[in-house]
Amino acid sequence: MDKKDKKRQEVLQQRIAKLQQLLSAAKKQPDDPTEVPRLEKELAAAHAELARIKQG
């Protein structure tokens, strides 16, 4: 894993943490019905990219 991949991994981990917080808040207060599925989709994409980077 090169320096660029390590940096991308750090950024993705931060993004995942932020998305998880946003998703939790959106589930507690469902103002916009499209927000929860959108956040879940973004979270899944971030997890998939992180897994791809970890695999090499």
PDB file of N, CA and C in Angstrom:
ATOM      1  N   MET A   1       0.859  -1.176   0.000  1.00  0.00           N
ATOM      2  CA  MET A   1       0.000   0.000   0.000  1.00  0.00           C
ATOM      3  C   MET A   1       0.900   1.233   0.000  1.00  0.00           C
ATOM      4  N   ASP A   2       0.709   2.093  -0.970  1.00  0.00           N
ATOM      5  CA  ASP A   2       1.537   3.286  -1.049  1.00  0.00           C
ATOM      6  C   ASP A   2       0.928   4.428  -0.222  1.00  0.00           C
ATOM      7  N   LYS A   3       1.624   5.533  -0.229  1.00  0.00           N
ATOM      8  CA  LYS A   3       1.227   6.687   0.591  1.00  0.00           C
ATOM      9  C   LYS A   3      -0.155   7.219   0.199  1.00  0.00           C
ATOM     10  N   LYS A   4      -0.434   7.204  -1.087  1.00  0.00           N
ATOM     11  CA  LYS A   4      -1.721   7.697  -1.586  1.00  0.00           C
ATOM     12  C   LYS A   4      -2.868   6.821  -1.082  1.00  0.00           C
ATOM     13  N   ASP A   5      -2.677   5.516  -1.102  1.00  0.00           N
ATOM     14  CA  ASP A   5      -3.707   4.596  -0.620  1.00  0.00           C
ATOM     15  C   ASP A   5      -3.937   4.751   0.877  1.00  0.00           C
ATOM     16  N   LYS A   6      -2.861   4.960   1.640  1.00  0.00           N
ATOM     17  CA  LYS A   6      -2.998   5.146   3.079  1.00  0.00           C
ATOM     18  C   LYS A   6      -3.798   6.410   3.382  1.00  0.00           C
ATOM     19  N   LYS A   7      -3.516   7.470   2.648  1.00  0.00           N
ATOM     20  CA  LYS A   7      -4.235   8.724   2.853  1.00  0.00           C
ATOM     21  C   LYS A   7      -5.705   8.544   2.487  1.00  0.00           C
ATOM     22  N   ARG A   8      -5.984   7.866   1.377  1.00  0.00           N
ATOM     23  CA  ARG A   8      -7.357   7.624   0.947  1.00  0.00           C
ATOM     24  C   ARG A   8      -8.098   6.777   1.989  1.00  0.00           C
ATOM     25  N   GLN A   9      -7.395   5.822   2.586  1.00  0.00           N
ATOM     26  CA  GLN A   9      -7.986   4.978   3.608  1.00  0.00           C
ATOM     27  C   GLN A   9      -8.365   5.823   4.832  1.00  0.00           C
ATOM     28  N   GLU A  10      -7.494   6.727   5.244  1.00  0.00           N
ATOM     29  CA  GLU A  10      -7.792   7.607   6.376  1.00  0.00           C
ATOM     30  C   GLU A  10      -9.009   8.475   6.079  1.00  0.00           C
ATOM     31  N   VAL A  11      -9.056   9.037   4.883  1.00  0.00           N
ATOM     32  CA  VAL A  11     -10.177   9.900   4.491  1.00  0.00           C
ATOM     33  C   VAL A  11     -11.479   9.102   4.478  1.00  0.00           C
ATOM     34  N   LEU A  12     -11.438   7.890   3.955  1.00  0.00           N
ATOM     35  CA  LEU A  12     -12.635   7.044   3.910  1.00  0.00           C
ATOM     36  C   LEU A  12     -13.108   6.672   5.314  1.00  0.00           C
ATOM     37  N   GLN A  13     -12.182   6.402   6.215  1.00  0.00           N
ATOM     38  CA  GLN A  13     -12.573   6.059   7.582  1.00  0.00           C
ATOM     39  C   GLN A  13     -13.244   7.249   8.260  1.00  0.00           C
ATOM     40  N   GLN A  14     -12.736   8.444   8.005  1.00  0.00           N
ATOM     41  CA  GLN A  14     -13.355   9.649   8.559  1.00  0.00           C
ATOM     42  C   GLN A  14     -14.744   9.858   7.955  1.00  0.00           C
ATOM     43  N   ARG A  15     -14.862   9.638   6.653  1.00  0.00           N
ATOM     44  CA  ARG A  15     -16.147   9.799   5.979  1.00  0.00           C
ATOM     45  C   ARG A  15     -17.178   8.788   6.490  1.00  0.00           C
ATOM     46  N   ILE A  16     -16.728   7.554   6.704  1.00  0.00           N
ATOM     47  CA  ILE A  16     -17.617   6.520   7.224  1.00  0.00           C
ATOM     48  C   ILE A  16     -18.125   6.911   8.606  1.00  0.00           C
ATOM     49  N   ALA A  17     -17.241   7.411   9.443  1.00  0.00           N
ATOM     50  CA  ALA A  17     -17.659   7.818  10.790  1.00  0.00           C
ATOM     51  C   ALA A  17     -18.692   8.941  10.714  1.00  0.00           C
ATOM     52  N   LYS A  18     -18.465   9.900   9.829  1.00  0.00           N
ATOM     53  CA  LYS A  18     -19.393  11.024   9.680  1.00  0.00           C
ATOM     54  C   LYS A  18     -20.745  10.541   9.128  1.00  0.00           C
ATOM     55  N   LEU A  19     -20.694   9.667   8.137  1.00  0.00           N
ATOM     56  CA  LEU A  19     -21.931   9.151   7.558  1.00  0.00           C
ATOM     57  C   LEU A  19     -22.730   8.336   8.575  1.00  0.00           C
ATOM     58  N   GLN A  20     -22.038   7.588   9.424  1.00  0.00           N
ATOM     59  CA  GLN A  20     -22.738   6.812  10.441  1.00  0.00           C
ATOM     60  C   GLN A  20     -23.454   7.728  11.429  1.00  0.00           C
ATOM     61  N   GLN A  21     -22.817   8.843  11.784  1.00  0.00           N
ATOM     62  CA  GLN A  21     -23.453   9.812  12.678  1.00  0.00           C
ATOM     63  C   GLN A  21     -24.665  10.444  12.012  1.00  0.00           C
ATOM     64  N   LEU A  22     -24.511  10.832  10.746  1.00  0.00           N
ATOM     65  CA  LEU A  22     -25.619  11.437  10.017  1.00  0.00           C
ATOM     66  C   LEU A  22     -26.780  10.460   9.859  1.00  0.00           C
ATOM     67  N   LEU A  23     -26.459   9.207   9.578  1.00  0.00           N
ATOM     68  CA  LEU A  23     -27.490   8.185   9.417  1.00  0.00           C
ATOM     69  C   LEU A  23     -28.246   7.961  10.722  1.00  0.00           C
ATOM     70  N   SER A  24     -27.523   7.910  11.808  1.00  0.00           N
ATOM     71  CA  SER A  24     -28.154   7.743  13.115  1.00  0.00           C
ATOM     72  C   SER A  24     -29.107   8.894  13.405  1.00  0.00           C
ATOM     73  N   ALA A  25     -28.655  10.110  13.144  1.00  0.00           N
ATOM     74  CA  ALA A  25     -29.497  11.289  13.374  1.00  0.00           C
ATOM     75  C   ALA A  25     -30.707  11.287  12.444  1.00  0.00           C
ATOM     76  N   ALA A  26     -30.512  10.890  11.199  1.00  0.00           N
ATOM     77  CA  ALA A  26     -31.614  10.867  10.235  1.00  0.00           C
ATOM     78  C   ALA A  26     -32.666   9.835  10.618  1.00  0.00           C
ATOM     79  N   LYS A  27     -32.233   8.726  11.207  1.00  0.00           N
ATOM     80  CA  LYS A  27     -33.187   7.702  11.633  1.00  0.00           C
ATOM     81  C   LYS A  27     -33.989   8.163  12.844  1.00  0.00           C
ATOM     82  N   LYS A  28     -33.354   8.951  13.715  1.00  0.00           N
ATOM     83  CA  LYS A  28     -34.053   9.447  14.902  1.00  0.00           C
ATOM     84  C   LYS A  28     -35.054  10.536  14.556  1.00  0.00           C
ATOM     85  N   GLN A  29     -34.716  11.334  13.530  1.00  0.00           N
ATOM     86  CA  GLN A  29     -35.578  12.452  13.145  1.00  0.00           C
ATOM     87  C   GLN A  29     -35.766  12.430  11.628  1.00  0.00           C
ATOM     88  N   PRO A  30     -36.704  11.637  11.147  1.00  0.00           N
ATOM     89  CA  PRO A  30     -36.875  11.458   9.697  1.00  0.00           C
ATOM     90  C   PRO A  30     -37.612  12.632   9.028  1.00  0.00           C
ATOM     91  N   ASP A  31     -36.916  13.737   8.818  1.00  0.00           N
ATOM     92  CA  ASP A  31     -37.511  14.890   8.146  1.00  0.00           C
ATOM     93  C   ASP A  31     -37.699  14.624   6.656  1.00  0.00           C
ATOM     94  N   ASP A  32     -36.682  14.056   6.047  1.00  0.00           N
ATOM     95  CA  ASP A  32     -36.696  13.792   4.610  1.00  0.00           C
ATOM     96  C   ASP A  32     -36.684  12.277   4.390  1.00  0.00           C
ATOM     97  N   PRO A  33     -37.726  11.718   3.802  1.00  0.00           N
ATOM     98  CA  PRO A  33     -37.787  10.262   3.639  1.00  0.00           C
ATOM     99  C   PRO A  33     -36.728   9.701   2.689  1.00  0.00           C
ATOM    100  N   THR A  34     -36.138  10.532   1.850  1.00  0.00           N
ATOM    101  CA  THR A  34     -35.115  10.036   0.922  1.00  0.00           C
ATOM    102  C   THR A  34     -33.714  10.094   1.518  1.00  0.00           C
ATOM    103  N   GLU A  35     -33.575  10.732   2.672  1.00  0.00           N
ATOM    104  CA  GLU A  35     -32.247  10.927   3.259  1.00  0.00           C
ATOM    105  C   GLU A  35     -31.645   9.620   3.790  1.00  0.00           C
ATOM    106  N   VAL A  36     -32.424   8.817   4.485  1.00  0.00           N
ATOM    107  CA  VAL A  36     -31.903   7.573   5.070  1.00  0.00           C
ATOM    108  C   VAL A  36     -31.389   6.623   3.977  1.00  0.00           C
ATOM    109  N   PRO A  37     -32.168   6.345   2.927  1.00  0.00           N
ATOM    110  CA  PRO A  37     -31.630   5.454   1.879  1.00  0.00           C
ATOM    111  C   PRO A  37     -30.389   6.030   1.180  1.00  0.00           C
ATOM    112  N   ARG A  38     -30.366   7.345   1.005  1.00  0.00           N
ATOM    113  CA  ARG A  38     -29.204   7.982   0.361  1.00  0.00           C
ATOM    114  C   ARG A  38     -27.962   7.812   1.231  1.00  0.00           C
ATOM    115  N   LEU A  39     -28.103   8.043   2.520  1.00  0.00           N
ATOM    116  CA  LEU A  39     -26.970   7.897   3.426  1.00  0.00           C
ATOM    117  C   LEU A  39     -26.512   6.445   3.511  1.00  0.00           C
ATOM    118  N   GLU A  40     -27.458   5.516   3.512  1.00  0.00           N
ATOM    119  CA  GLU A  40     -27.101   4.093   3.533  1.00  0.00           C
ATOM    120  C   GLU A  40     -26.333   3.708   2.268  1.00  0.00           C
ATOM    121  N   LYS A  41     -26.744   4.255   1.144  1.00  0.00           N
ATOM    122  CA  LYS A  41     -26.072   3.964  -0.126  1.00  0.00           C
ATOM    123  C   LYS A  41     -24.647   4.530  -0.119  1.00  0.00           C
ATOM    124  N   GLU A  42     -24.497   5.769   0.356  1.00  0.00           N
ATOM    125  CA  GLU A  42     -23.165   6.384   0.436  1.00  0.00           C
ATOM    126  C   GLU A  42     -22.263   5.606   1.388  1.00  0.00           C
ATOM    127  N   LEU A  43     -22.822   5.170   2.502  1.00  0.00           N
ATOM    128  CA  LEU A  43     -22.064   4.416   3.490  1.00  0.00           C
ATOM    129  C   LEU A  43     -21.600   3.083   2.903  1.00  0.00           C
ATOM    130  N   ALA A  44     -22.461   2.418   2.189  1.00  0.00           N
ATOM    131  CA  ALA A  44     -22.106   1.146   1.555  1.00  0.00           C
ATOM    132  C   ALA A  44     -21.011   1.348   0.505  1.00  0.00           C
ATOM    133  N   ALA A  45     -21.110   2.427  -0.245  1.00  0.00           N
ATOM    134  CA  ALA A  45     -20.092   2.714  -1.264  1.00  0.00           C
ATOM    135  C   ALA A  45     -18.741   2.998  -0.611  1.00  0.00           C
ATOM    136  N   ALA A  46     -18.753   3.724   0.485  1.00  0.00           N
ATOM    137  CA  ALA A  46     -17.506   4.034   1.186  1.00  0.00           C
ATOM    138  C   ALA A  46     -16.887   2.762   1.763  1.00  0.00           C
ATOM    139  N   HIS A  47     -17.713   1.896   2.320  1.00  0.00           N
ATOM    140  CA  HIS A  47     -17.210   0.614   2.844  1.00  0.00           C
ATOM    141  C   HIS A  47     -16.626  -0.236   1.720  1.00  0.00           C
ATOM    142  N   ALA A  48     -17.281  -0.256   0.578  1.00  0.00           N
ATOM    143  CA  ALA A  48     -16.805  -1.048  -0.558  1.00  0.00           C
ATOM    144  C   ALA A  48     -15.460  -0.529  -1.058  1.00  0.00           C
ATOM    145  N   GLU A  49     -15.333   0.789  -1.148  1.00  0.00           N
ATOM    146  CA  GLU A  49     -14.057   1.361  -1.615  1.00  0.00           C
ATOM    147  C   GLU A  49     -12.943   1.099  -0.608  1.00  0.00           C
ATOM    148  N   LEU A  50     -13.262   1.188   0.676  1.00  0.00           N
ATOM    149  CA  LEU A  50     -12.266   0.909   1.706  1.00  0.00           C
ATOM    150  C   LEU A  50     -11.804  -0.539   1.624  1.00  0.00           C
ATOM    151  N   ALA A  51     -12.729  -1.460   1.416  1.00  0.00           N
ATOM    152  CA  ALA A  51     -12.381  -2.882   1.279  1.00  0.00           C
ATOM    153  C   ALA A  51     -11.510  -3.106   0.051  1.00  0.00           C
ATOM    154  N   ARG A  52     -11.825  -2.403  -1.029  1.00  0.00           N
ATOM    155  CA  ARG A  52     -11.037  -2.540  -2.266  1.00  0.00           C
ATOM    156  C   ARG A  52      -9.600  -2.056  -2.050  1.00  0.00           C
ATOM    157  N   ILE A  53      -9.450  -0.952  -1.330  1.00  0.00           N
ATOM    158  CA  ILE A  53      -8.122  -0.410  -1.061  1.00  0.00           C
ATOM    159  C   ILE A  53      -7.332  -1.363  -0.154  1.00  0.00           C
ATOM    160  N   LYS A  54      -7.987  -1.920   0.846  1.00  0.00           N
ATOM    161  CA  LYS A  54      -7.308  -2.829   1.769  1.00  0.00           C
ATOM    162  C   LYS A  54      -6.837  -4.108   1.076  1.00  0.00           C
ATOM    163  N   GLN A  55      -7.601  -4.549   0.071  1.00  0.00           N
ATOM    164  CA  GLN A  55      -7.223  -5.759  -0.652  1.00  0.00           C
ATOM    165  C   GLN A  55      -5.996  -5.528  -1.526  1.00  0.00           C
ATOM    166  N   GLY A  56      -5.833  -4.304  -1.964  1.00  0.00           N
ATOM    167  CA  GLY A  56      -4.651  -4.004  -2.739  1.00  0.00           C
ATOM    168  C   GLY A  56      -4.966  -3.710  -4.123  1.00  0.00           C
TER     169      GLY A  56
END
